[in-house]
Protein backbone atom coordinates (compact mmCIF):
# COMPACT_ATOMS: atom_id res chain seq x y z
CA MET A 1 73.31 77.61 100.76
CA GLN A 2 72.06 79.27 97.56
CA LEU A 3 75.03 80.75 95.68
CA GLU A 4 74.05 84.42 95.73
CA ARG A 5 73.17 84.31 99.44
CA ALA A 6 76.47 82.61 100.24
CA LEU A 7 78.38 85.21 98.27
CA ASP A 8 76.56 88.12 99.98
CA SER A 9 77.32 86.56 103.37
CA TYR A 10 81.03 86.31 102.57
CA LEU A 11 81.27 89.86 101.23
CA ARG A 12 79.62 91.18 104.42
CA HIS A 13 82.14 89.17 106.44
CA VAL A 14 85.22 90.57 104.68
CA THR A 15 83.78 94.11 104.76
CA ILE A 16 82.54 94.31 108.35
CA GLU A 17 84.38 91.68 110.38
CA ARG A 18 87.73 91.69 108.58
CA GLY A 19 87.63 95.40 107.69
CA LEU A 20 89.12 94.96 104.22
CA SER A 21 89.40 97.99 101.96
CA VAL A 22 86.76 98.96 99.42
CA HIS A 23 89.16 98.07 96.59
CA THR A 24 89.91 94.59 98.00
CA VAL A 25 86.21 93.84 98.54
CA SER A 26 85.48 95.02 94.99
CA ALA A 27 88.11 92.59 93.68
CA TYR A 28 86.49 89.74 95.66
CA ARG A 29 83.07 90.71 94.34
CA ARG A 30 84.35 90.77 90.76
CA ASP A 31 86.21 87.44 90.97
CA LEU A 32 83.54 85.56 92.89
CA GLY A 33 80.75 87.06 90.80
CA ALA A 34 82.37 85.52 87.72
CA TYR A 35 82.77 82.22 89.61
CA VAL A 36 79.11 82.16 90.71
CA GLU A 37 77.99 82.98 87.17
CA TRP A 38 80.12 80.12 85.83
CA LEU A 39 78.71 77.73 88.44
CA GLY A 40 75.18 78.69 87.44
CA ALA A 41 75.95 78.00 83.79
CA GLU A 42 77.23 74.57 84.86
CA GLY A 43 73.93 73.81 86.57
CA VAL A 44 75.23 74.32 90.11
CA ALA A 45 72.68 76.23 92.22
CA ASP A 46 73.87 75.53 95.77
CA THR A 47 77.27 75.64 97.47
CA ALA A 48 76.72 72.05 98.70
CA GLU A 49 76.90 70.89 95.08
CA VAL A 50 80.42 72.25 94.50
CA THR A 51 83.07 69.52 94.36
CA PRO A 52 86.88 69.66 94.06
CA ALA A 53 86.54 68.59 90.41
CA ILE A 54 84.20 71.50 89.67
CA VAL A 55 86.54 74.02 91.32
CA GLY A 56 89.50 72.57 89.43
CA ARG A 57 87.64 72.75 86.13
CA PHE A 58 86.75 76.41 86.68
CA ILE A 59 90.38 77.36 87.39
CA ALA A 60 91.64 75.29 84.46
CA GLU A 61 89.20 77.00 82.08
CA ARG A 62 90.24 80.41 83.34
CA ALA A 63 93.93 79.54 83.02
CA GLY A 64 93.43 78.47 79.41
CA ALA A 65 91.27 81.44 78.41
CA GLU A 66 92.28 83.82 75.64
CA PRO A 67 93.83 86.25 76.14
CA ARG A 68 95.88 84.25 78.65
CA PRO A 69 95.48 85.77 82.13
CA ALA A 70 98.57 86.92 83.99
CA ALA A 71 99.84 84.58 86.69
CA SER A 72 99.14 87.26 89.30
CA SER A 73 95.50 87.59 88.14
CA LEU A 74 95.02 83.83 88.24
CA ALA A 75 96.59 83.64 91.69
CA ARG A 76 94.22 86.34 92.94
CA LEU A 77 91.25 84.48 91.45
CA GLN A 78 92.28 81.25 93.18
CA SER A 79 92.76 83.12 96.44
CA SER A 80 89.25 84.57 96.16
CA VAL A 81 87.71 81.17 95.49
CA ARG A 82 89.62 79.49 98.30
CA GLY A 83 88.78 82.27 100.75
CA TRP A 84 85.06 81.92 100.02
CA HIS A 85 84.95 78.12 100.36
CA ARG A 86 87.14 78.23 103.47
CA PHE A 87 84.71 80.71 105.03
CA LEU A 88 81.69 78.51 104.23
CA ALA A 89 83.37 75.48 105.83
CA ARG A 90 84.59 77.41 108.88
CA GLU A 91 81.13 78.88 109.52
CA GLY A 92 79.54 75.43 109.27
CA ILE A 93 77.51 76.41 106.21
CA GLU A 94 79.15 73.54 104.33
CA ASP A 95 80.80 70.38 105.64
CA ASP A 96 83.88 70.46 103.43
CA ASP A 97 86.10 72.89 101.55
CA PRO A 98 86.18 71.74 97.90
CA SER A 99 88.99 74.19 97.11
CA GLY A 100 91.42 72.82 99.68
CA ARG A 101 93.66 71.12 97.10
CA LEU A 102 94.08 74.19 94.91
CA ARG A 103 97.66 75.40 94.60
CA PRO A 104 98.14 78.95 93.33
CA PRO A 105 100.40 79.41 90.30
CA LYS A 106 103.80 80.78 91.03
CA ALA A 107 103.73 84.39 89.93
CA PRO A 108 106.92 85.71 88.37
CA ARG A 109 108.83 87.89 90.81
CA ARG A 110 108.88 91.44 89.55
CA LEU A 111 111.43 93.71 91.10
CA PRO A 112 109.90 97.07 91.96
CA LYS A 113 111.23 99.99 89.95
CA ALA A 114 112.91 102.61 92.13
CA LEU A 115 114.09 106.06 91.10
CA THR A 116 117.62 107.21 91.72
CA ILE A 117 118.15 109.78 94.46
CA ASP A 118 118.82 112.41 91.78
CA GLN A 119 115.55 111.56 90.05
CA VAL A 120 113.67 111.78 93.35
CA GLU A 121 115.13 115.21 94.06
CA ARG A 122 114.10 116.41 90.59
CA LEU A 123 110.61 114.99 91.07
CA LEU A 124 110.18 116.66 94.46
CA SER A 125 111.38 119.99 93.09
CA ALA A 126 109.09 119.91 90.05
CA PRO A 127 105.95 121.59 91.51
CA SER A 128 106.02 125.40 91.39
CA PRO A 129 106.76 126.96 94.80
CA GLU A 130 104.98 130.13 93.65
CA GLU A 131 101.58 128.53 93.03
CA PRO A 132 99.23 127.37 95.83
CA LEU A 133 98.60 123.98 94.22
CA GLY A 134 102.31 123.63 93.57
CA ILE A 135 102.95 124.07 97.30
CA ARG A 136 100.32 121.40 98.01
CA ASP A 137 101.78 119.04 95.42
CA ARG A 138 105.28 119.45 96.84
CA ALA A 139 103.96 118.62 100.31
CA LEU A 140 102.26 115.48 99.01
CA LEU A 141 105.33 114.26 97.11
CA GLU A 142 107.69 115.00 100.01
CA LEU A 143 105.41 113.15 102.41
CA LEU A 144 105.11 110.10 100.15
CA TYR A 145 108.89 109.78 99.82
CA ALA A 146 109.60 110.61 103.47
CA THR A 147 107.21 108.03 104.92
CA GLY A 148 106.81 105.32 102.27
CA ALA A 149 103.04 105.77 102.53
CA ARG A 150 100.73 104.26 99.97
CA VAL A 151 98.88 106.89 97.95
CA SER A 152 95.58 105.76 99.51
CA GLU A 153 97.10 106.24 102.97
CA ALA A 154 98.37 109.72 102.12
CA VAL A 155 95.08 111.02 100.73
CA GLY A 156 93.29 109.44 103.70
CA LEU A 157 95.30 111.45 106.23
CA ASP A 158 93.52 113.89 108.53
CA VAL A 159 95.18 117.05 109.81
CA ASP A 160 95.13 115.54 113.32
CA ASP A 161 97.31 112.67 112.12
CA LEU A 162 100.18 115.19 112.06
CA ALA A 163 99.73 116.15 115.71
CA HIS A 164 102.64 114.00 116.89
CA GLY A 165 105.52 116.31 115.99
CA ASP A 166 108.13 114.46 113.95
CA VAL A 167 106.03 111.33 113.40
CA LEU A 168 102.90 110.61 111.40
CA ARG A 169 99.98 108.22 111.94
CA LEU A 170 99.07 106.18 108.86
CA ARG A 171 96.09 103.87 108.38
CA GLY A 172 97.04 100.92 106.22
CA LYS A 173 95.30 97.85 104.87
CA GLY A 174 92.60 96.46 107.12
CA SER A 175 92.49 99.80 108.99
CA LYS A 176 95.75 98.91 110.75
CA GLU A 177 97.51 101.98 112.12
CA ARG A 178 101.24 102.56 112.26
CA ILE A 179 103.45 105.45 113.34
CA VAL A 180 106.26 106.51 110.99
CA PRO A 181 108.82 109.30 111.21
CA ILE A 182 108.44 112.30 108.94
CA GLY A 183 111.73 113.95 107.97
CA SER A 184 112.50 117.64 108.25
CA PHE A 185 112.14 118.30 104.51
CA ALA A 186 108.67 116.76 104.38
CA ARG A 187 107.62 118.44 107.62
CA LYS A 188 108.71 121.83 106.30
CA ALA A 189 106.83 121.27 103.02
CA VAL A 190 103.68 120.12 104.82
CA ASP A 191 103.84 123.05 107.26
CA ALA A 192 104.13 125.49 104.34
CA TYR A 193 101.05 123.91 102.77
CA LEU A 194 99.09 124.00 106.04
CA THR A 195 99.95 127.64 106.69
CA ARG A 196 99.78 129.17 103.23
CA VAL A 197 97.47 127.04 101.13
CA ARG A 198 95.12 124.69 102.95
CA PRO A 199 93.03 127.45 104.61
CA GLN A 200 92.23 128.85 101.14
CA LEU A 201 91.30 125.44 99.79
CA ALA A 202 89.18 124.63 102.84
CA ALA A 203 87.29 127.92 102.45
CA ALA A 204 86.36 126.95 98.88
CA GLY A 205 84.43 123.85 99.93
CA HIS A 206 82.70 122.07 102.76
CA SER A 207 84.51 121.56 106.04
CA SER A 208 86.80 118.54 105.88
CA ALA A 209 89.35 117.14 108.30
CA ARG A 210 91.42 115.65 105.47
CA LEU A 211 94.96 116.95 105.16
CA PHE A 212 95.15 117.16 101.38
CA LEU A 213 92.36 119.04 99.60
CA GLY A 214 91.56 119.66 95.95
CA ALA A 215 91.11 123.03 94.29
CA ARG A 216 87.42 123.12 95.27
CA GLY A 217 88.01 122.16 98.88
CA ALA A 218 87.01 118.50 98.61
CA PRO A 219 89.37 115.77 99.86
CA LEU A 220 92.04 114.93 97.30
CA SER A 221 91.30 111.62 95.52
CA ARG A 222 93.70 108.80 94.68
CA GLN A 223 93.23 109.58 91.01
CA SER A 224 94.15 113.24 91.54
CA ALA A 225 97.25 112.22 93.49
CA TRP A 226 98.25 109.93 90.60
CA LEU A 227 97.90 112.86 88.16
CA ILE A 228 100.03 115.06 90.45
CA ILE A 229 102.81 112.47 90.45
CA ARG A 230 102.65 111.99 86.69
CA ALA A 231 102.69 115.76 86.04
CA ALA A 232 105.70 116.19 88.35
CA ALA A 233 107.55 113.38 86.54
CA GLU A 234 106.90 115.07 83.19
CA ARG A 235 108.14 118.43 84.49
CA ALA A 236 111.22 116.75 85.92
CA GLN A 237 111.84 115.08 82.54
CA ILE A 238 112.00 111.64 84.08
CA THR A 239 111.69 109.14 81.26
CA ALA A 240 111.35 106.10 83.54
CA GLU A 241 107.78 105.04 84.31
CA VAL A 242 106.59 106.73 87.49
CA SER A 243 103.51 105.19 89.10
CA PRO A 244 101.71 105.98 92.36
CA HIS A 245 103.84 103.30 94.06
CA THR A 246 107.18 104.55 92.73
CA LEU A 247 108.00 106.82 95.68
CA ARG A 248 107.13 104.00 98.10
CA HIS A 249 109.48 101.66 96.22
CA SER A 250 112.18 104.32 96.19
CA PHE A 251 111.73 104.97 99.92
CA ALA A 252 112.31 101.29 100.76
CA THR A 253 115.19 100.83 98.33
CA HIS A 254 117.08 103.92 99.46
CA LEU A 255 116.66 102.98 103.13
CA LEU A 256 118.13 99.53 102.53
CA GLN A 257 120.95 100.96 100.42
CA GLY A 258 121.67 103.31 103.33
CA GLY A 259 122.03 100.38 105.75
CA ALA A 260 118.56 100.12 107.29
CA ASP A 261 117.54 96.72 108.65
CA VAL A 262 114.92 94.94 106.55
CA ARG A 263 112.66 94.46 109.60
CA VAL A 264 112.70 98.19 110.30
CA VAL A 265 111.69 98.83 106.70
CA GLN A 266 108.96 96.20 107.10
CA GLU A 267 107.51 98.16 110.04
CA LEU A 268 107.72 101.46 108.18
CA LEU A 269 105.97 100.05 105.12
CA GLY A 270 103.30 98.31 107.18
CA HIS A 271 103.95 94.87 105.68
CA ALA A 272 102.43 92.00 107.64
CA SER A 273 105.31 89.69 106.66
CA VAL A 274 109.00 90.42 106.25
CA ALA A 275 108.91 88.19 103.15
CA THR A 276 106.98 90.95 101.36
CA THR A 277 109.66 93.47 102.25
CA GLN A 278 112.55 91.25 101.23
CA ILE A 279 111.84 91.83 97.55
CA TYR A 280 113.54 95.20 98.06
CA THR A 281 116.75 93.49 99.18
CA HIS A 282 117.00 92.07 95.64
CA VAL A 283 116.97 95.60 94.28
CA SER A 284 119.90 96.47 96.52
CA VAL A 285 121.76 93.33 95.45
CA ASP A 286 121.27 94.35 91.81
CA THR A 287 122.75 97.75 92.62
CA LEU A 288 125.75 96.11 94.29
CA ARG A 289 126.21 93.87 91.26
CA ASP A 290 126.20 96.88 88.92
CA ILE A 291 128.74 98.72 91.07
CA TYR A 292 130.94 95.63 91.20
CA ALA A 293 130.76 95.16 87.42
CA THR A 294 131.86 98.74 86.73
CA SER A 295 134.42 99.05 89.54
CA HIS A 296 136.33 95.77 89.94
CA PRO A 297 139.28 95.38 87.56
CA ARG A 298 138.52 91.70 86.92
CA ALA A 299 134.72 91.90 86.91
CA ARG A 300 134.56 91.80 83.10
């Protein structure tokens, strides 16, 4: 199949049939667009002409490019290429998968950065309780820490997703839904926002079912949520880097430190594999090591 047609077919597949997020599909489009462009420059016009040697040469060139790509970026590129060729073979468009022998580079394991409980409390208390947007921001921060939701999941919430009392319905990657508890602090903050602030914001814009709204009544964006978190960190005088994922990392770490089972945390986070969740157990082990080093008389 002609390269561009084959790429369009795959992108439709991952968008419609697999239901991947806009951001994931954009990453595939970016990676595979570069691959198709490279193939064209090499004189390859059809997917039937791609051989294992050609795929290997493309990855090798990318790995040796300057500036040197991060292992995680190279692994994602390989995954994109393999996914495309696997799809073409599975659909019978091509007889073989020329990427079958690719082995992704081993990305260095980065432990997620979690805030201390004191830092979290300062962060949650940072928004002004006297200002309407401060009440909204407090509700957003409390909800993120209480549920471990991704920022995209939080801003994608509808008001009806709160209709289950002390639990919340989240839509994760691939449109998969999960139910998570929402603690009393977060529920109180969200109720205050719904009662005192959201009606005013909704009146300022077009009707929207989204839970979190911006100052003009439009649904709150991921970028706006990121700015809210960063502003709260500055007000709380937290010098550690605070990213949109920090409260999710802190949620998981504090649960495990409190004795929660890793499989329960896996369900709460919406991870498909427990192996993804187990990275947080390393954070807890590091904490235990620090406590041991400062507390045991013969640790030093």
